[in-house]
């Protein structure tokens, strides 16, 4: 008999020993009847069956869990993607679950979802009450990484959420970018690009957090290189991208473009009236004053007076 089978049988035997014994009195004593004996036997069997199922789940064999006992992982940074759930829901309405979800046991007797958040959500929306699951004994650090990597390759996962996952693992484990890349099976340059989000101004990051699909890793890396010298302009560029006033492909050029001094806005024209009619309007802009007359005759009459006034001003001390 293979060692694994012996070990498995040994664990079942241990569970049998741990199961609460069912005390039965001999038939005919008058103390207990056959229906009660049958109920006690059934309860004991159910208890044993539950323990065997849990053992099989830990050994990699799926068991059936109530959805109400499942909890989302605290390390699920990406949230639920509605399009992904809708696609799963349409498929699972007519087909069986191809692969069980993966969970680990919680202290309160519930289960933390490690892989399969979207499948669980699709089952809930379909009105199902149970789902196939495999129970694994993962430590916190391993569970955190698995939750992230379960979603990492999904095309719909925004780059910002990939950054959050890598940053969470790096902060908890102290792993280098090279080690993170090796663990994820991706290039170090991709990890470095994703982690460039952390060098953006705090206000810019807050804008991206509220619209995670608006800024990709390419733009984040470019903006990060400009953030130290132009944090306000970088934040403004992110704001315009989020508000769809500026395309991602043009954001870097906008930040790098030399800033021209703004022109002094022209004052509103001052209207000079003669009775109910407009005599002229006067507009000041910078060091210029523009006077527009309503008639050539009025201009000619005013010209000499304006010239005399200007000469007086020029000669004044």
Protein backbone atom coordinates (compact mmCIF):
# COMPACT_ATOMS: atom_id res chain seq x y z
CA UNK A 1 0.00 0.00 0.00
CA UNK A 2 1.40 3.41 -0.94
CA UNK A 3 2.64 5.63 1.86
CA UNK A 4 0.16 8.38 0.92
CA UNK A 5 -2.80 5.99 1.21
CA UNK A 6 -1.55 4.67 4.57
CA UNK A 7 -1.20 8.21 5.82
CA UNK A 8 -4.69 9.08 4.57
CA UNK A 9 -6.22 6.02 6.29
CA UNK A 10 -4.32 6.87 9.44
CA UNK A 11 -5.83 10.34 9.51
CA UNK A 12 -9.33 8.94 8.99
CA UNK A 13 -8.73 6.44 11.80
CA UNK A 14 -7.61 9.29 14.05
CA UNK A 15 -10.77 11.18 13.23
CA UNK A 16 -12.86 8.15 14.04
CA UNK A 17 -11.17 8.01 17.41
CA UNK A 18 -11.88 11.72 17.94
CA UNK A 19 -15.53 11.49 16.91
CA UNK A 20 -17.94 11.60 19.81
CA UNK A 21 -19.08 8.04 20.56
CA UNK A 22 -22.77 7.23 20.20
CA UNK A 23 -23.95 5.44 23.36
CA UNK A 24 -26.55 2.74 22.55
CA UNK A 25 -28.34 0.58 25.06
CA UNK A 26 -29.29 -3.01 24.30
CA UNK A 27 -32.65 -3.44 22.66
CA UNK A 28 -35.41 -4.32 25.10
CA UNK A 29 -34.13 -2.36 28.09
CA UNK A 30 -36.96 0.08 27.65
CA UNK A 31 -34.64 3.05 27.95
CA UNK A 32 -34.29 3.83 24.25
CA UNK A 33 -36.21 2.80 21.17
CA UNK A 34 -35.12 1.81 17.67
CA UNK A 35 -36.09 5.17 16.05
CA UNK A 36 -33.94 7.04 18.56
CA UNK A 37 -31.07 4.62 18.00
CA UNK A 38 -31.36 5.22 14.25
CA UNK A 39 -31.31 9.00 14.76
CA UNK A 40 -28.20 8.74 16.91
CA UNK A 41 -26.46 6.57 14.36
CA UNK A 42 -27.37 9.04 11.63
CA UNK A 43 -25.98 11.97 13.64
CA UNK A 44 -22.74 10.15 14.25
CA UNK A 45 -22.46 9.24 10.59
CA UNK A 46 -23.03 12.85 9.52
CA UNK A 47 -20.35 14.04 11.93
CA UNK A 48 -17.88 11.51 10.58
CA UNK A 49 -18.78 12.28 6.98
CA UNK A 50 -18.15 16.00 7.54
CA UNK A 51 -14.70 15.29 8.97
CA UNK A 52 -13.83 12.96 6.10
CA UNK A 53 -14.90 15.62 3.59
CA UNK A 54 -12.69 18.21 5.29
CA UNK A 55 -9.75 15.82 5.21
CA UNK A 56 -10.33 15.12 1.51
CA UNK A 57 -10.51 18.85 0.85
CA UNK A 58 -7.15 19.35 2.53
CA UNK A 59 -5.75 16.49 0.48
CA UNK A 60 -6.72 18.26 -2.75
CA UNK A 61 -10.05 16.53 -3.35
CA UNK A 62 -12.99 18.94 -3.73
CA UNK A 63 -15.68 19.09 -1.09
CA UNK A 64 -18.98 20.98 -1.09
CA UNK A 65 -19.14 24.17 0.98
CA UNK A 66 -22.01 26.50 1.74
CA UNK A 67 -21.56 29.88 0.08
CA UNK A 68 -22.58 31.59 3.31
CA UNK A 69 -19.43 30.16 4.94
CA UNK A 70 -17.07 31.75 2.38
CA UNK A 71 -15.39 35.12 3.03
CA UNK A 72 -13.56 37.34 0.51
CA UNK A 73 -9.83 37.58 1.10
CA UNK A 74 -8.52 40.68 2.84
CA UNK A 75 -5.79 40.75 0.18
CA UNK A 76 -8.19 41.02 -2.76
CA UNK A 77 -7.09 44.45 -4.04
CA UNK A 78 -8.84 44.38 -7.41
CA UNK A 79 -12.44 43.97 -6.30
CA UNK A 80 -15.04 42.26 -8.46
CA UNK A 81 -15.07 42.83 -12.22
CA UNK A 82 -18.69 42.97 -13.36
CA UNK A 83 -18.01 41.86 -16.94
CA UNK A 84 -16.05 38.84 -15.74
CA UNK A 85 -18.82 37.82 -13.33
CA UNK A 86 -21.46 38.24 -16.05
CA UNK A 87 -19.50 35.96 -18.40
CA UNK A 88 -19.08 33.31 -15.71
CA UNK A 89 -22.74 33.59 -14.76
CA UNK A 90 -23.85 32.96 -18.34
CA UNK A 91 -21.58 29.91 -18.57
CA UNK A 92 -22.28 28.39 -15.16
CA UNK A 93 -26.02 28.70 -15.59
CA UNK A 94 -25.87 25.82 -18.09
CA UNK A 95 -22.55 24.12 -17.30
CA UNK A 96 -20.87 22.54 -14.28
CA UNK A 97 -18.01 24.25 -12.46
CA UNK A 98 -14.84 23.21 -14.28
CA UNK A 99 -12.45 23.76 -11.36
CA UNK A 100 -13.23 24.11 -7.64
CA UNK A 101 -12.41 27.28 -5.75
CA UNK A 102 -9.50 27.23 -3.31
CA UNK A 103 -10.03 28.29 0.31
CA UNK A 104 -8.31 28.18 3.68
CA UNK A 105 -9.89 27.74 7.09
CA UNK A 106 -10.61 30.77 9.30
CA UNK A 107 -10.58 30.85 13.09
CA UNK A 108 -14.37 31.33 13.25
CA UNK A 109 -15.00 28.15 11.25
CA UNK A 110 -15.59 29.95 7.98
CA UNK A 111 -13.39 29.85 4.89
CA UNK A 112 -11.29 32.57 3.21
CA UNK A 113 -11.36 32.50 -0.58
CA UNK A 114 -7.85 32.22 -2.01
CA UNK A 115 -8.75 31.61 -5.66
CA UNK A 116 -12.22 31.90 -7.16
CA UNK A 117 -13.77 35.18 -5.98
CA UNK A 118 -15.52 35.68 -9.32
CA UNK A 119 -16.79 32.10 -9.45
CA UNK A 120 -18.26 32.45 -5.96
CA UNK A 121 -19.93 35.73 -6.90
CA UNK A 122 -21.38 34.16 -10.07
CA UNK A 123 -22.80 31.28 -7.99
CA UNK A 124 -24.37 33.75 -5.55
CA UNK A 125 -26.05 35.68 -8.36
CA UNK A 126 -27.37 32.44 -9.81
CA UNK A 127 -29.03 31.69 -6.48
CA UNK A 128 -26.82 28.69 -5.73
CA UNK A 129 -26.17 27.75 -2.12
CA UNK A 130 -23.11 25.48 -2.41
CA UNK A 131 -19.90 25.27 -4.42
CA UNK A 132 -17.06 22.77 -4.88
CA UNK A 133 -13.94 23.83 -2.98
CA UNK A 134 -10.48 22.60 -2.04
CA UNK A 135 -9.16 23.49 1.44
CA UNK A 136 -5.47 24.37 1.71
CA UNK A 137 -3.40 25.26 4.79
CA UNK A 138 -1.67 28.39 3.48
CA UNK A 139 0.31 30.77 5.69
CA UNK A 140 -0.57 34.46 5.44
CA UNK A 141 2.31 35.42 3.15
CA UNK A 142 1.62 32.55 0.75
CA UNK A 143 -2.13 33.23 0.76
CA UNK A 144 -1.52 36.92 -0.01
CA UNK A 145 0.62 36.07 -3.02
CA UNK A 146 -1.80 33.45 -4.34
CA UNK A 147 -4.79 35.79 -4.10
CA UNK A 148 -2.91 38.38 -6.16
CA UNK A 149 -1.49 35.98 -8.73
CA UNK A 150 -4.91 34.37 -9.20
CA UNK A 151 -5.98 37.66 -10.85
CA UNK A 152 -2.64 38.94 -12.14
CA UNK A 153 -2.86 37.53 -15.67
CA UNK A 154 -6.50 38.50 -16.15
CA UNK A 155 -6.56 40.99 -19.08
CA UNK A 156 -9.23 43.09 -17.38
CA UNK A 157 -7.11 43.74 -14.28
CA UNK A 158 -5.96 47.41 -14.40
CA UNK A 159 -2.25 48.14 -14.11
CA UNK A 160 -2.95 50.19 -10.99
CA UNK A 161 -4.38 47.13 -9.22
CA UNK A 162 -1.38 45.06 -10.34
CA UNK A 163 0.81 47.72 -8.71
CA UNK A 164 -1.19 47.46 -5.48
CA UNK A 165 -0.73 43.68 -5.43
CA UNK A 166 3.03 43.81 -5.98
CA UNK A 167 3.42 46.63 -3.45
CA UNK A 168 1.42 44.68 -0.87
CA UNK A 169 3.61 41.60 -1.29
CA UNK A 170 6.83 43.62 -1.27
CA UNK A 171 5.84 45.48 1.90
CA UNK A 172 4.93 42.26 3.72
CA UNK A 173 7.86 40.14 2.54
CA UNK A 174 10.64 42.64 1.84
CA UNK A 175 11.24 40.95 -1.52
CA UNK A 176 13.30 42.75 -4.16
CA UNK A 177 11.92 43.62 -7.60
CA UNK A 178 13.94 40.75 -9.04
CA UNK A 179 12.48 38.27 -6.53
CA UNK A 180 8.95 39.56 -7.18
CA UNK A 181 9.44 39.15 -10.92
CA UNK A 182 10.70 35.59 -10.47
CA UNK A 183 7.78 34.69 -8.23
CA UNK A 184 5.28 36.13 -10.71
CA UNK A 185 7.01 34.67 -13.76
CA UNK A 186 7.36 38.07 -15.45
CA UNK A 187 10.24 40.35 -16.37
CA UNK A 188 11.88 42.61 -13.81
CA UNK A 189 11.29 45.58 -16.12
CA UNK A 190 7.52 44.97 -15.94
CA UNK A 191 7.59 44.88 -12.14
CA UNK A 192 9.66 48.09 -12.08
CA UNK A 193 7.21 49.74 -14.45
CA UNK A 194 4.21 48.78 -12.31
CA UNK A 195 5.90 49.93 -9.10
CA UNK A 196 6.53 53.36 -10.67
CA UNK A 197 2.97 54.28 -9.61
CA UNK A 198 4.34 54.77 -6.08
CA UNK A 199 6.49 57.72 -7.22
CA UNK A 200 3.53 59.76 -8.44
CA UNK A 201 2.25 62.66 -6.30
CA UNK A 202 -0.26 61.65 -3.64
CA UNK A 203 -3.04 63.71 -5.25
CA UNK A 204 -2.39 62.05 -8.61
CA UNK A 205 -2.54 58.59 -7.02
CA UNK A 206 -5.85 59.45 -5.38
CA UNK A 207 -7.28 60.39 -8.77
CA UNK A 208 -6.05 57.12 -10.30
CA UNK A 209 -7.44 55.10 -7.38
CA UNK A 210 -10.92 56.45 -8.15
CA UNK A 211 -10.51 55.68 -11.89
CA UNK A 212 -7.99 52.78 -12.00
CA UNK A 213 -8.37 52.10 -15.72
CA UNK A 214 -7.58 55.66 -16.73
CA UNK A 215 -3.76 55.53 -16.37
CA UNK A 216 -1.65 52.59 -17.52
CA UNK A 217 1.81 51.55 -16.37
CA UNK A 218 3.53 53.12 -19.41
CA UNK A 219 2.17 56.56 -18.62
CA UNK A 220 2.75 56.11 -14.88
CA UNK A 221 6.42 55.33 -15.48
CA UNK A 222 6.85 58.41 -17.68
CA UNK A 223 5.05 60.71 -15.27
CA UNK A 224 7.03 59.32 -12.32
CA UNK A 225 10.24 60.58 -13.92
CA UNK A 226 8.79 64.11 -14.01
CA UNK A 227 7.07 64.11 -10.62
CA UNK A 228 9.99 65.33 -8.53
CA UNK A 229 10.40 68.55 -10.54
CA UNK A 230 6.80 69.17 -11.66
CA UNK A 231 4.41 67.54 -9.17
CA UNK A 232 1.60 70.06 -9.77
CA UNK A 233 1.80 69.73 -13.54
CA UNK A 234 1.90 65.91 -13.32
CA UNK A 235 -1.16 65.92 -11.09
CA UNK A 236 -2.94 68.26 -13.50
CA UNK A 237 -2.10 65.95 -16.41
CA UNK A 238 -3.52 62.95 -14.53
CA UNK A 239 -6.66 64.93 -13.74
CA UNK A 240 -7.17 65.80 -17.42
CA UNK A 241 -6.61 62.17 -18.43
CA UNK A 242 -9.11 60.96 -15.82
CA UNK A 243 -11.64 63.54 -16.99
CA UNK A 244 -10.96 62.55 -20.63
CA UNK A 245 -9.75 66.02 -21.53
CA UNK A 246 -6.32 64.68 -22.49
CA UNK A 247 -5.37 61.41 -24.17
CA UNK A 248 -2.85 59.17 -22.38
CA UNK A 249 -0.59 59.23 -25.44
CA UNK A 250 -0.31 63.03 -25.22
CA UNK A 251 -0.03 63.45 -21.47
CA UNK A 252 3.78 63.27 -21.26
CA UNK A 253 4.21 65.79 -24.08
CA UNK A 254 1.80 68.12 -22.30
CA UNK A 255 3.81 67.99 -19.07
CA UNK A 256 7.14 68.47 -20.91
CA UNK A 257 5.91 71.37 -23.06
CA UNK A 258 7.39 74.76 -22.04
CA UNK A 259 4.90 76.82 -20.12
CA UNK A 260 4.18 80.13 -21.80
CA UNK A 261 3.43 83.11 -19.60
CA UNK A 262 -0.27 83.78 -19.63
CA UNK A 263 -1.43 86.96 -21.24
CA UNK A 264 -3.10 89.56 -19.09
CA UNK A 265 -6.77 89.32 -19.74
CA UNK A 266 -8.28 92.38 -21.37
CA UNK A 267 -10.61 94.43 -19.22
CA UNK A 268 -14.20 94.74 -20.22
CA UNK A 269 -14.76 97.76 -22.53
CA UNK A 270 -15.92 101.00 -20.95
CA UNK A 271 -18.78 102.48 -22.92
CA UNK A 272 -19.00 106.31 -23.20
CA UNK A 273 -22.48 107.49 -24.08
CA UNK A 274 -23.90 110.71 -25.47
CA UNK A 275 -27.46 110.60 -24.28
CA UNK A 276 -28.84 107.26 -25.34
CA UNK A 277 -26.30 106.80 -28.11
CA UNK A 278 -22.83 105.24 -27.75
CA UNK A 279 -20.12 107.84 -28.35
CA UNK A 280 -17.21 105.42 -28.06
CA UNK A 281 -15.92 102.41 -26.09
CA UNK A 282 -12.54 102.23 -24.40
CA UNK A 283 -10.66 98.93 -23.88
CA UNK A 284 -7.44 98.62 -21.81
CA UNK A 285 -5.15 95.61 -22.32
CA UNK A 286 -1.67 95.58 -20.82
CA UNK A 287 0.04 98.82 -21.84
CA UNK A 288 -2.47 99.63 -24.55
CA UNK A 289 -5.68 101.65 -24.62
CA UNK A 290 -7.96 101.24 -27.61
CA UNK A 291 -10.72 103.80 -28.29
CA UNK A 292 -13.38 102.97 -30.85
CA UNK A 293 -15.70 105.74 -32.00
CA UNK A 294 -19.09 105.20 -33.55
CA UNK A 295 -18.45 107.78 -36.27
CA UNK A 296 -15.51 109.24 -38.15
CA UNK A 297 -16.71 112.72 -37.25
CA UNK A 298 -16.57 111.93 -33.53
CA UNK A 299 -13.05 110.52 -33.94
CA UNK A 300 -11.83 113.66 -35.65
CA UNK A 301 -13.31 115.88 -32.95
CA UNK A 302 -11.75 113.78 -30.19
CA UNK A 303 -8.35 113.32 -31.82
CA UNK A 304 -7.01 116.79 -31.07
CA UNK A 305 -8.32 116.69 -27.51
CA UNK A 306 -6.69 113.28 -26.89
CA UNK A 307 -3.40 114.49 -28.36
CA UNK A 308 -3.41 117.59 -26.16
CA UNK A 309 -4.21 115.45 -23.08
CA UNK A 310 -1.37 113.04 -23.81
CA UNK A 311 1.13 115.93 -24.26
CA UNK A 312 0.09 117.37 -20.93
CA UNK A 313 0.54 113.96 -19.25
CA UNK A 314 3.96 113.50 -20.84
CA UNK A 315 5.18 116.92 -19.60
CA UNK A 316 3.79 116.49 -16.13
CA UNK A 317 6.44 115.95 -13.40
